Amino acid sequence: MSEPRYWLIVVSKNHVMNGVRWGIAQANHGKAAPLKRMRVGDGVVYYSPKVEFEGNEKLQAFTAIGEVAGESVYQFDMGGGFVPYRRDVKYKECIEVPILPLIPALTFIKDKTSWGYMFRFGFFEIPKVDFDLIASRMLPEKINA
């Protein structure tokens, strides 16, 4: 069995909370390709640049964290002709964590002055060290464990 990989998905908070409630991940407006790169046991963290998909209120925080649980990528009809691909994720109870204080320590952000550039991709792999740092802030029990 291979080592777990760690993924960052960029989604507005309101959409992240739907995914948490349903126990699923969707990425890049429902595309299958990103989800097919994931394997059971991989870590997933969500970054939300704003509160609502169609709103303008900035958030700039990590909003959910979990582990890929389902073997398959599957489609789900959400109505109105939108049939996105999904993957099952087991989410952990966590707290929302602002990104700004973490930017200096996150290794996947190479240019600290233009730190938002990476997030435009919507879905990308991050190093374990970065996932662990984010998790240590989102999952406070890990600090005292």
C-alpha atoms as a PDB file:
ATOM      1  CA  MET A   1       0.000   0.000   0.000  1.00  0.00           C
ATOM      2  CA  SER A   2       1.355   3.424  -0.913  1.00  0.00           C
ATOM      3  CA  GLU A   3       1.815   6.344   1.443  1.00  0.00           C
ATOM      4  CA  PRO A   4      -1.151   8.711   1.726  1.00  0.00           C
ATOM      5  CA  ARG A   5      -1.142  11.884  -0.318  1.00  0.00           C
ATOM      6  CA  TYR A   6      -2.582  15.205   0.765  1.00  0.00           C
ATOM      7  CA  TRP A   7      -4.934  17.378  -1.239  1.00  0.00           C
ATOM      8  CA  LEU A   8      -6.135  20.943  -0.961  1.00  0.00           C
ATOM      9  CA  ILE A   9      -9.492  21.828  -2.514  1.00  0.00           C
ATOM     10  CA  VAL A  10     -10.620  25.437  -2.951  1.00  0.00           C
ATOM     11  CA  VAL A  11     -14.357  25.924  -2.402  1.00  0.00           C
ATOM     12  CA  SER A  12     -16.578  28.595  -0.872  1.00  0.00           C
ATOM     13  CA  LYS A  13     -17.536  27.849   2.734  1.00  0.00           C
ATOM     14  CA  ASN A  14     -21.235  27.342   2.012  1.00  0.00           C
ATOM     15  CA  HIS A  15     -20.405  24.642  -0.544  1.00  0.00           C
ATOM     16  CA  VAL A  16     -17.824  23.053   1.776  1.00  0.00           C
ATOM     17  CA  MET A  17     -20.435  22.764   4.527  1.00  0.00           C
ATOM     18  CA  ASN A  18     -22.800  20.990   2.114  1.00  0.00           C
ATOM     19  CA  GLY A  19     -20.037  18.506   1.327  1.00  0.00           C
ATOM     20  CA  VAL A  20     -19.337  17.935   5.015  1.00  0.00           C
ATOM     21  CA  ARG A  21     -23.044  17.383   5.702  1.00  0.00           C
ATOM     22  CA  TRP A  22     -23.309  14.881   2.826  1.00  0.00           C
ATOM     23  CA  GLY A  23     -19.903  13.219   3.466  1.00  0.00           C
ATOM     24  CA  ILE A  24     -18.634  13.916  -0.033  1.00  0.00           C
ATOM     25  CA  ALA A  25     -16.009  15.885  -1.932  1.00  0.00           C
ATOM     26  CA  GLN A  26     -16.568  17.704  -5.205  1.00  0.00           C
ATOM     27  CA  ALA A  27     -13.843  19.680  -6.930  1.00  0.00           C
ATOM     28  CA  ASN A  28     -13.404  22.051  -9.842  1.00  0.00           C
ATOM     29  CA  HIS A  29     -17.124  22.485 -10.506  1.00  0.00           C
ATOM     30  CA  GLY A  30     -17.866  18.758 -10.442  1.00  0.00           C
ATOM     31  CA  LYS A  31     -15.063  17.439 -12.651  1.00  0.00           C
ATOM     32  CA  ALA A  32     -14.038  13.789 -12.251  1.00  0.00           C
ATOM     33  CA  ALA A  33     -10.290  14.055 -13.022  1.00  0.00           C
ATOM     34  CA  PRO A  34      -9.168  15.620  -9.719  1.00  0.00           C
ATOM     35  CA  LEU A  35     -11.155  13.127  -7.652  1.00  0.00           C
ATOM     36  CA  LYS A  36      -9.667  10.198  -9.593  1.00  0.00           C
ATOM     37  CA  ARG A  37      -6.193  11.207  -8.391  1.00  0.00           C
ATOM     38  CA  MET A  38      -7.235  10.574  -4.779  1.00  0.00           C
ATOM     39  CA  ARG A  39      -6.995   7.244  -2.946  1.00  0.00           C
ATOM     40  CA  VAL A  40      -8.662   5.897   0.174  1.00  0.00           C
ATOM     41  CA  GLY A  41      -6.748   7.190   3.193  1.00  0.00           C
ATOM     42  CA  ASP A  42      -5.523  10.385   1.506  1.00  0.00           C
ATOM     43  CA  GLY A  43      -5.926  13.582   3.496  1.00  0.00           C
ATOM     44  CA  VAL A  44      -8.149  16.399   2.263  1.00  0.00           C
ATOM     45  CA  VAL A  45      -8.257  19.992   3.474  1.00  0.00           C
ATOM     46  CA  TYR A  46     -10.537  22.731   2.172  1.00  0.00           C
ATOM     47  CA  TYR A  47      -9.568  26.355   1.741  1.00  0.00           C
ATOM     48  CA  SER A  48     -12.446  28.822   1.372  1.00  0.00           C
ATOM     49  CA  PRO A  49     -11.522  32.201  -0.118  1.00  0.00           C
ATOM     50  CA  LYS A  50     -15.032  33.487   0.529  1.00  0.00           C
ATOM     51  CA  VAL A  51     -18.131  32.671   2.533  1.00  0.00           C
ATOM     52  CA  GLU A  52     -20.578  32.067  -0.323  1.00  0.00           C
ATOM     53  CA  PHE A  53     -19.986  30.976  -3.909  1.00  0.00           C
ATOM     54  CA  GLU A  54     -21.992  33.837  -5.372  1.00  0.00           C
ATOM     55  CA  GLY A  55     -21.088  36.364  -2.668  1.00  0.00           C
ATOM     56  CA  ASN A  56     -18.237  38.809  -2.194  1.00  0.00           C
ATOM     57  CA  GLU A  57     -17.536  38.386   1.535  1.00  0.00           C
ATOM     58  CA  LYS A  58     -13.911  37.257   1.961  1.00  0.00           C
ATOM     59  CA  LEU A  59     -13.093  34.439   4.358  1.00  0.00           C
ATOM     60  CA  GLN A  60      -9.538  33.227   3.517  1.00  0.00           C
ATOM     61  CA  ALA A  61      -9.648  30.273   5.900  1.00  0.00           C
ATOM     62  CA  PHE A  62      -9.294  26.515   6.037  1.00  0.00           C
ATOM     63  CA  THR A  63     -12.825  25.275   6.640  1.00  0.00           C
ATOM     64  CA  ALA A  64     -12.883  21.448   6.615  1.00  0.00           C
ATOM     65  CA  ILE A  65     -10.500  18.532   6.905  1.00  0.00           C
ATOM     66  CA  GLY A  66     -10.935  14.809   6.427  1.00  0.00           C
ATOM     67  CA  GLU A  67      -9.851  11.583   4.813  1.00  0.00           C
ATOM     68  CA  VAL A  68     -10.894   9.975   1.535  1.00  0.00           C
ATOM     69  CA  ALA A  69     -13.178   7.074   2.449  1.00  0.00           C
ATOM     70  CA  GLY A  70     -14.765   5.820  -0.761  1.00  0.00           C
ATOM     71  CA  GLU A  71     -13.093   3.764  -3.488  1.00  0.00           C
ATOM     72  CA  SER A  72     -15.148   5.154  -6.353  1.00  0.00           C
ATOM     73  CA  VAL A  73     -15.788   8.431  -8.110  1.00  0.00           C
ATOM     74  CA  TYR A  74     -19.466   8.669  -8.978  1.00  0.00           C
ATOM     75  CA  GLN A  75     -21.997  11.109 -10.382  1.00  0.00           C
ATOM     76  CA  PHE A  76     -24.984  12.595  -8.576  1.00  0.00           C
ATOM     77  CA  ASP A  77     -27.867  14.458 -10.180  1.00  0.00           C
ATOM     78  CA  MET A  78     -28.319  17.723  -8.290  1.00  0.00           C
ATOM     79  CA  GLY A  79     -31.064  18.901 -10.649  1.00  0.00           C
ATOM     80  CA  GLY A  80     -31.125  21.595 -13.277  1.00  0.00           C
ATOM     81  CA  GLY A  81     -28.790  19.588 -15.497  1.00  0.00           C
ATOM     82  CA  PHE A  82     -25.920  19.675 -12.963  1.00  0.00           C
ATOM     83  CA  VAL A  83     -24.564  16.136 -12.496  1.00  0.00           C
ATOM     84  CA  PRO A  84     -21.199  16.535 -10.735  1.00  0.00           C
ATOM     85  CA  TYR A  85     -18.717  13.842  -9.827  1.00  0.00           C
ATOM     86  CA  ARG A  86     -18.221  13.070  -6.145  1.00  0.00           C
ATOM     87  CA  ARG A  87     -16.041  11.053  -3.835  1.00  0.00           C
ATOM     88  CA  ASP A  88     -16.864   9.942  -0.282  1.00  0.00           C
ATOM     89  CA  VAL A  89     -14.887  11.632   2.496  1.00  0.00           C
ATOM     90  CA  LYS A  90     -14.943  11.093   6.256  1.00  0.00           C
ATOM     91  CA  TYR A  91     -14.729  14.569   7.758  1.00  0.00           C
ATOM     92  CA  LYS A  92     -13.307  15.356  11.180  1.00  0.00           C
ATOM     93  CA  GLU A  93     -14.787  17.769  13.664  1.00  0.00           C
ATOM     94  CA  CYS A  94     -12.629  20.865  13.343  1.00  0.00           C
ATOM     95  CA  ILE A  95     -12.368  24.593  13.785  1.00  0.00           C
ATOM     96  CA  GLU A  96     -12.035  27.158  11.001  1.00  0.00           C
ATOM     97  CA  VAL A  97      -8.487  28.517  10.720  1.00  0.00           C
ATOM     98  CA  PRO A  98      -7.453  31.752   8.957  1.00  0.00           C
ATOM     99  CA  ILE A  99      -4.684  31.256   6.403  1.00  0.00           C
ATOM    100  CA  LEU A 100      -2.832  34.562   6.860  1.00  0.00           C
ATOM    101  CA  PRO A 101      -0.895  33.575  10.030  1.00  0.00           C
ATOM    102  CA  LEU A 102       0.171  30.275   8.380  1.00  0.00           C
ATOM    103  CA  ILE A 103       1.448  31.668   5.068  1.00  0.00           C
ATOM    104  CA  PRO A 104       5.074  32.136   6.228  1.00  0.00           C
ATOM    105  CA  ALA A 105       5.270  28.456   7.296  1.00  0.00           C
ATOM    106  CA  LEU A 106       3.404  26.800   4.385  1.00  0.00           C
ATOM    107  CA  THR A 107       6.003  25.330   2.024  1.00  0.00           C
ATOM    108  CA  PHE A 108       3.628  24.917  -0.929  1.00  0.00           C
ATOM    109  CA  ILE A 109       3.296  28.718  -1.099  1.00  0.00           C
ATOM    110  CA  LYS A 110       6.550  29.700  -2.801  1.00  0.00           C
ATOM    111  CA  ASP A 111       5.826  33.397  -3.326  1.00  0.00           C
ATOM    112  CA  LYS A 112       4.642  34.741   0.013  1.00  0.00           C
ATOM    113  CA  THR A 113       3.670  38.132  -1.466  1.00  0.00           C
ATOM    114  CA  SER A 114       1.424  36.599  -4.169  1.00  0.00           C
ATOM    115  CA  TRP A 115       0.269  33.711  -1.992  1.00  0.00           C
ATOM    116  CA  GLY A 116      -3.212  33.501  -3.516  1.00  0.00           C
ATOM    117  CA  TYR A 117      -1.951  32.440  -6.940  1.00  0.00           C
ATOM    118  CA  MET A 118      -1.753  28.702  -6.132  1.00  0.00           C
ATOM    119  CA  PHE A 119      -5.368  28.622  -5.055  1.00  0.00           C
ATOM    120  CA  ARG A 120      -6.593  29.576  -8.517  1.00  0.00           C
ATOM    121  CA  PHE A 121      -6.029  25.959  -9.589  1.00  0.00           C
ATOM    122  CA  GLY A 122      -8.855  24.825  -7.294  1.00  0.00           C
ATOM    123  CA  PHE A 123      -7.331  21.433  -6.496  1.00  0.00           C
ATOM    124  CA  PHE A 124      -3.722  20.463  -5.891  1.00  0.00           C
ATOM    125  CA  GLU A 125      -1.465  18.215  -3.859  1.00  0.00           C
ATOM    126  CA  ILE A 126       0.334  19.618  -0.817  1.00  0.00           C
ATOM    127  CA  PRO A 127       3.241  18.178   1.194  1.00  0.00           C
ATOM    128  CA  LYS A 128       2.533  16.184   4.357  1.00  0.00           C
ATOM    129  CA  VAL A 129       4.353  18.804   6.447  1.00  0.00           C
ATOM    130  CA  ASP A 130       1.860  21.461   5.311  1.00  0.00           C
ATOM    131  CA  PHE A 131      -1.148  19.202   5.844  1.00  0.00           C
ATOM    132  CA  ASP A 132       0.118  18.393   9.346  1.00  0.00           C
ATOM    133  CA  LEU A 133       0.585  22.087  10.163  1.00  0.00           C
ATOM    134  CA  ILE A 134      -2.941  22.947   9.018  1.00  0.00           C
ATOM    135  CA  ALA A 135      -4.361  19.909  10.851  1.00  0.00           C
ATOM    136  CA  SER A 136      -2.581  20.919  14.068  1.00  0.00           C
ATOM    137  CA  ARG A 137      -4.534  24.194  14.020  1.00  0.00           C
ATOM    138  CA  MET A 138      -7.866  22.769  12.836  1.00  0.00           C
ATOM    139  CA  LEU A 139      -7.862  19.730  15.142  1.00  0.00           C
ATOM    140  CA  PRO A 140      -6.927  21.147  18.549  1.00  0.00           C
ATOM    141  CA  GLU A 141      -6.951  17.725  20.218  1.00  0.00           C
ATOM    142  CA  LYS A 142      -3.892  16.812  18.115  1.00  0.00           C
ATOM    143  CA  ILE A 143      -1.909  19.495  19.957  1.00  0.00           C
ATOM    144  CA  ASN A 144      -2.486  17.859  23.332  1.00  0.00           C
ATOM    145  CA  ALA A 145      -2.374  14.246  22.132  1.00  0.00           C
END
